[in-house]
Amino acid sequence: MLDVTHNLLSVADPQFMTSFDWQWMHQLDWQLVAQSGGARQFNQDVLGNISKGFNNFVQSGQLVALIIGAVLGYLLRTITMG
């Protein structure tokens, strides 16, 4: 345990940070990196997806099953605790 803590502290050591080779950052094409993040745009209608999911939940009868299960679970709990 002590060795792991010592290794973590040695990574944050200023001498380690100055001896680390940072040359790869200078050679990196930052314009390419910046463009790759914005190249993909997603058109998503989040509220529309939520309403479609809720409508499917109601139409498939899962809402009724949820209500019946909650009522039966409550009744079972009151019977077994009482």
N, C-alpha and C. Protein backbone atom coordinates (compact mmCIF):
# COMPACT_ATOMS: atom_id res chain seq x y z
N MET A 1 0.82 -1.20 0.00
CA MET A 1 0.00 0.00 0.00
C MET A 1 0.86 1.25 0.00
N LEU A 2 1.93 1.21 0.79
CA LEU A 2 2.81 2.35 0.87
C LEU A 2 3.53 2.58 -0.46
N ASP A 3 3.88 1.49 -1.16
CA ASP A 3 4.56 1.63 -2.44
C ASP A 3 3.67 2.28 -3.48
N VAL A 4 2.38 1.93 -3.49
CA VAL A 4 1.45 2.54 -4.44
C VAL A 4 1.32 4.03 -4.17
N THR A 5 1.20 4.41 -2.90
CA THR A 5 1.09 5.82 -2.56
C THR A 5 2.37 6.55 -2.93
N HIS A 6 3.50 5.93 -2.70
CA HIS A 6 4.78 6.55 -3.04
C HIS A 6 4.88 6.75 -4.55
N ASN A 7 4.42 5.75 -5.33
CA ASN A 7 4.47 5.88 -6.79
C ASN A 7 3.55 6.98 -7.28
N LEU A 8 2.38 7.12 -6.68
CA LEU A 8 1.48 8.19 -7.09
C LEU A 8 2.07 9.56 -6.78
N LEU A 9 2.73 9.67 -5.64
CA LEU A 9 3.33 10.94 -5.28
C LEU A 9 4.52 11.25 -6.17
N SER A 10 5.25 10.23 -6.62
CA SER A 10 6.41 10.48 -7.47
C SER A 10 6.00 10.95 -8.85
N VAL A 11 4.80 10.59 -9.33
CA VAL A 11 4.33 11.08 -10.62
C VAL A 11 4.08 12.58 -10.56
N ALA A 12 3.59 13.07 -9.43
CA ALA A 12 3.32 14.48 -9.28
C ALA A 12 4.56 15.27 -8.86
N ASP A 13 5.69 14.60 -8.78
CA ASP A 13 6.94 15.24 -8.38
C ASP A 13 7.36 16.27 -9.44
N PRO A 14 7.72 17.48 -9.07
CA PRO A 14 8.12 18.50 -10.05
C PRO A 14 9.32 18.08 -10.89
N GLN A 15 10.22 17.30 -10.31
CA GLN A 15 11.38 16.85 -11.06
C GLN A 15 10.94 15.90 -12.19
N PHE A 16 9.93 15.07 -11.91
CA PHE A 16 9.40 14.18 -12.94
C PHE A 16 8.76 14.99 -14.06
N MET A 17 8.01 16.02 -13.70
CA MET A 17 7.31 16.81 -14.70
C MET A 17 8.28 17.56 -15.60
N THR A 18 9.40 18.02 -15.08
CA THR A 18 10.37 18.73 -15.92
C THR A 18 11.17 17.78 -16.78
N SER A 19 11.34 16.54 -16.33
CA SER A 19 12.11 15.58 -17.12
C SER A 19 11.25 14.86 -18.15
N PHE A 20 9.94 15.01 -18.08
CA PHE A 20 9.04 14.33 -19.01
C PHE A 20 9.18 14.95 -20.39
N ASP A 21 9.12 14.14 -21.43
CA ASP A 21 9.29 14.62 -22.80
C ASP A 21 7.97 15.18 -23.31
N TRP A 22 7.87 16.49 -23.41
CA TRP A 22 6.66 17.17 -23.87
C TRP A 22 6.72 17.51 -25.35
N GLN A 23 7.71 17.02 -26.09
CA GLN A 23 7.89 17.39 -27.49
C GLN A 23 6.74 16.93 -28.37
N TRP A 24 6.09 15.84 -28.01
CA TRP A 24 4.99 15.34 -28.83
C TRP A 24 3.84 16.33 -28.89
N MET A 25 3.68 17.18 -27.86
CA MET A 25 2.59 18.16 -27.87
C MET A 25 2.86 19.26 -28.89
N HIS A 26 4.13 19.58 -29.12
CA HIS A 26 4.46 20.61 -30.08
C HIS A 26 4.27 20.11 -31.51
N GLN A 27 4.41 18.82 -31.70
CA GLN A 27 4.28 18.25 -33.03
C GLN A 27 2.84 17.91 -33.38
N LEU A 28 1.95 17.97 -32.43
CA LEU A 28 0.55 17.62 -32.65
C LEU A 28 -0.15 18.70 -33.46
N ASP A 29 -0.94 18.31 -34.42
CA ASP A 29 -1.67 19.27 -35.25
C ASP A 29 -2.94 19.66 -34.50
N TRP A 30 -2.90 20.76 -33.77
CA TRP A 30 -4.02 21.17 -32.93
C TRP A 30 -5.24 21.57 -33.74
N GLN A 31 -5.04 22.05 -34.97
CA GLN A 31 -6.18 22.43 -35.78
C GLN A 31 -7.00 21.18 -36.13
N LEU A 32 -6.33 20.10 -36.42
CA LEU A 32 -7.02 18.85 -36.71
C LEU A 32 -7.77 18.35 -35.48
N VAL A 33 -7.18 18.47 -34.32
CA VAL A 33 -7.83 18.04 -33.09
C VAL A 33 -9.07 18.88 -32.82
N ALA A 34 -8.98 20.19 -33.05
CA ALA A 34 -10.11 21.08 -32.80
C ALA A 34 -11.25 20.81 -33.78
N GLN A 35 -10.93 20.49 -35.02
CA GLN A 35 -11.98 20.26 -36.01
C GLN A 35 -12.66 18.91 -35.82
N SER A 36 -11.93 17.94 -35.30
CA SER A 36 -12.53 16.61 -35.19
C SER A 36 -13.65 16.59 -34.16
N GLY A 37 -13.60 17.46 -33.16
CA GLY A 37 -14.65 17.49 -32.16
C GLY A 37 -15.95 18.07 -32.69
N GLY A 38 -15.86 19.07 -33.57
CA GLY A 38 -17.06 19.72 -34.07
C GLY A 38 -17.56 19.18 -35.39
N ALA A 39 -16.89 18.18 -35.95
CA ALA A 39 -17.27 17.68 -37.26
C ALA A 39 -18.57 16.90 -37.22
N ARG A 40 -18.86 16.29 -36.09
CA ARG A 40 -20.08 15.50 -35.97
C ARG A 40 -21.14 16.31 -35.25
N GLN A 41 -22.27 16.44 -35.88
CA GLN A 41 -23.38 17.10 -35.23
C GLN A 41 -24.56 16.14 -35.24
N PHE A 42 -25.23 16.07 -34.11
CA PHE A 42 -26.35 15.16 -33.99
C PHE A 42 -27.62 15.98 -33.82
N ASN A 43 -28.59 15.68 -34.64
CA ASN A 43 -29.90 16.29 -34.48
C ASN A 43 -30.78 15.31 -33.73
N GLN A 44 -30.96 15.59 -32.46
CA GLN A 44 -31.78 14.71 -31.65
C GLN A 44 -32.86 15.53 -30.98
N ASP A 45 -34.06 15.04 -31.06
CA ASP A 45 -35.19 15.66 -30.38
C ASP A 45 -35.40 14.89 -29.08
N VAL A 46 -34.76 15.36 -28.02
CA VAL A 46 -34.78 14.63 -26.76
C VAL A 46 -36.19 14.55 -26.19
N LEU A 47 -36.89 15.66 -26.16
CA LEU A 47 -38.25 15.64 -25.62
C LEU A 47 -39.18 14.80 -26.49
N GLY A 48 -38.96 14.83 -27.80
CA GLY A 48 -39.76 13.98 -28.69
C GLY A 48 -39.51 12.51 -28.43
N ASN A 49 -38.25 12.16 -28.18
CA ASN A 49 -37.92 10.76 -27.87
C ASN A 49 -38.54 10.33 -26.55
N ILE A 50 -38.55 11.23 -25.56
CA ILE A 50 -39.15 10.91 -24.27
C ILE A 50 -40.65 10.70 -24.42
N SER A 51 -41.30 11.57 -25.20
CA SER A 51 -42.76 11.41 -25.37
C SER A 51 -43.09 10.15 -26.15
N LYS A 52 -42.26 9.80 -27.15
CA LYS A 52 -42.50 8.55 -27.88
C LYS A 52 -42.34 7.35 -26.95
N GLY A 53 -41.33 7.40 -26.10
CA GLY A 53 -41.12 6.30 -25.16
C GLY A 53 -42.25 6.17 -24.17
N PHE A 54 -42.74 7.31 -23.66
CA PHE A 54 -43.85 7.27 -22.71
C PHE A 54 -45.12 6.78 -23.38
N ASN A 55 -45.38 7.23 -24.62
CA ASN A 55 -46.57 6.76 -25.34
C ASN A 55 -46.49 5.25 -25.57
N ASN A 56 -45.32 4.74 -25.89
CA ASN A 56 -45.15 3.30 -26.07
C ASN A 56 -45.36 2.58 -24.75
N PHE A 57 -44.90 3.18 -23.64
CA PHE A 57 -45.07 2.61 -22.31
C PHE A 57 -46.55 2.47 -21.97
N VAL A 58 -47.34 3.48 -22.33
CA VAL A 58 -48.78 3.46 -22.04
C VAL A 58 -49.50 2.49 -22.97
N GLN A 59 -49.20 2.55 -24.27
CA GLN A 59 -49.91 1.74 -25.25
C GLN A 59 -49.63 0.25 -25.10
N SER A 60 -48.45 -0.10 -24.63
CA SER A 60 -48.12 -1.52 -24.49
C SER A 60 -48.69 -2.13 -23.21
N GLY A 61 -49.31 -1.31 -22.36
CA GLY A 61 -49.92 -1.82 -21.15
C GLY A 61 -48.97 -1.90 -19.97
N GLN A 62 -47.78 -1.41 -20.13
CA GLN A 62 -46.81 -1.49 -19.04
C GLN A 62 -47.17 -0.54 -17.90
N LEU A 63 -47.84 0.56 -18.20
CA LEU A 63 -48.26 1.50 -17.15
C LEU A 63 -49.28 0.82 -16.24
N VAL A 64 -50.22 0.11 -16.83
CA VAL A 64 -51.23 -0.60 -16.04
C VAL A 64 -50.56 -1.68 -15.19
N ALA A 65 -49.60 -2.39 -15.77
CA ALA A 65 -48.88 -3.42 -15.02
C ALA A 65 -48.09 -2.80 -13.88
N LEU A 66 -47.53 -1.62 -14.09
CA LEU A 66 -46.79 -0.93 -13.03
C LEU A 66 -47.71 -0.56 -11.87
N ILE A 67 -48.88 -0.04 -12.20
CA ILE A 67 -49.83 0.36 -11.17
C ILE A 67 -50.32 -0.86 -10.39
N ILE A 68 -50.67 -1.93 -11.11
CA ILE A 68 -51.14 -3.15 -10.45
C ILE A 68 -50.03 -3.73 -9.56
N GLY A 69 -48.81 -3.75 -10.04
CA GLY A 69 -47.70 -4.27 -9.25
C GLY A 69 -47.43 -3.43 -8.01
N ALA A 70 -47.56 -2.11 -8.12
CA ALA A 70 -47.34 -1.24 -6.96
C ALA A 70 -48.43 -1.47 -5.92
N VAL A 71 -49.68 -1.59 -6.36
CA VAL A 71 -50.78 -1.81 -5.42
C VAL A 71 -50.64 -3.18 -4.75
N LEU A 72 -50.37 -4.22 -5.53
CA LEU A 72 -50.22 -5.55 -4.93
C LEU A 72 -49.00 -5.61 -4.00
N GLY A 73 -47.93 -4.94 -4.36
CA GLY A 73 -46.76 -4.91 -3.50
C GLY A 73 -47.03 -4.20 -2.19
N TYR A 74 -47.79 -3.10 -2.25
CA TYR A 74 -48.15 -2.38 -1.03
C TYR A 74 -49.05 -3.23 -0.13
N LEU A 75 -50.02 -3.90 -0.76
CA LEU A 75 -50.92 -4.77 0.02
C LEU A 75 -50.14 -5.93 0.65
N LEU A 76 -49.24 -6.54 -0.08
CA LEU A 76 -48.44 -7.63 0.44
C LEU A 76 -47.56 -7.16 1.60
N ARG A 77 -47.01 -5.97 1.47
CA ARG A 77 -46.17 -5.44 2.54
C ARG A 77 -46.98 -5.17 3.81
N THR A 78 -48.18 -4.61 3.64
CA THR A 78 -49.01 -4.32 4.83
C THR A 78 -49.47 -5.63 5.49
N ILE A 79 -49.74 -6.66 4.70
CA ILE A 79 -50.18 -7.94 5.26
C ILE A 79 -49.04 -8.60 6.05
N THR A 80 -47.84 -8.60 5.46
CA THR A 80 -46.73 -9.30 6.10
C THR A 80 -46.16 -8.53 7.30
N MET A 81 -46.29 -7.22 7.33
CA MET A 81 -45.76 -6.45 8.44
C MET A 81 -46.76 -6.33 9.59
N GLY A 82 -48.02 -6.49 9.31
CA GLY A 82 -49.06 -6.25 10.29
C GLY A 82 -49.27 -7.40 11.19
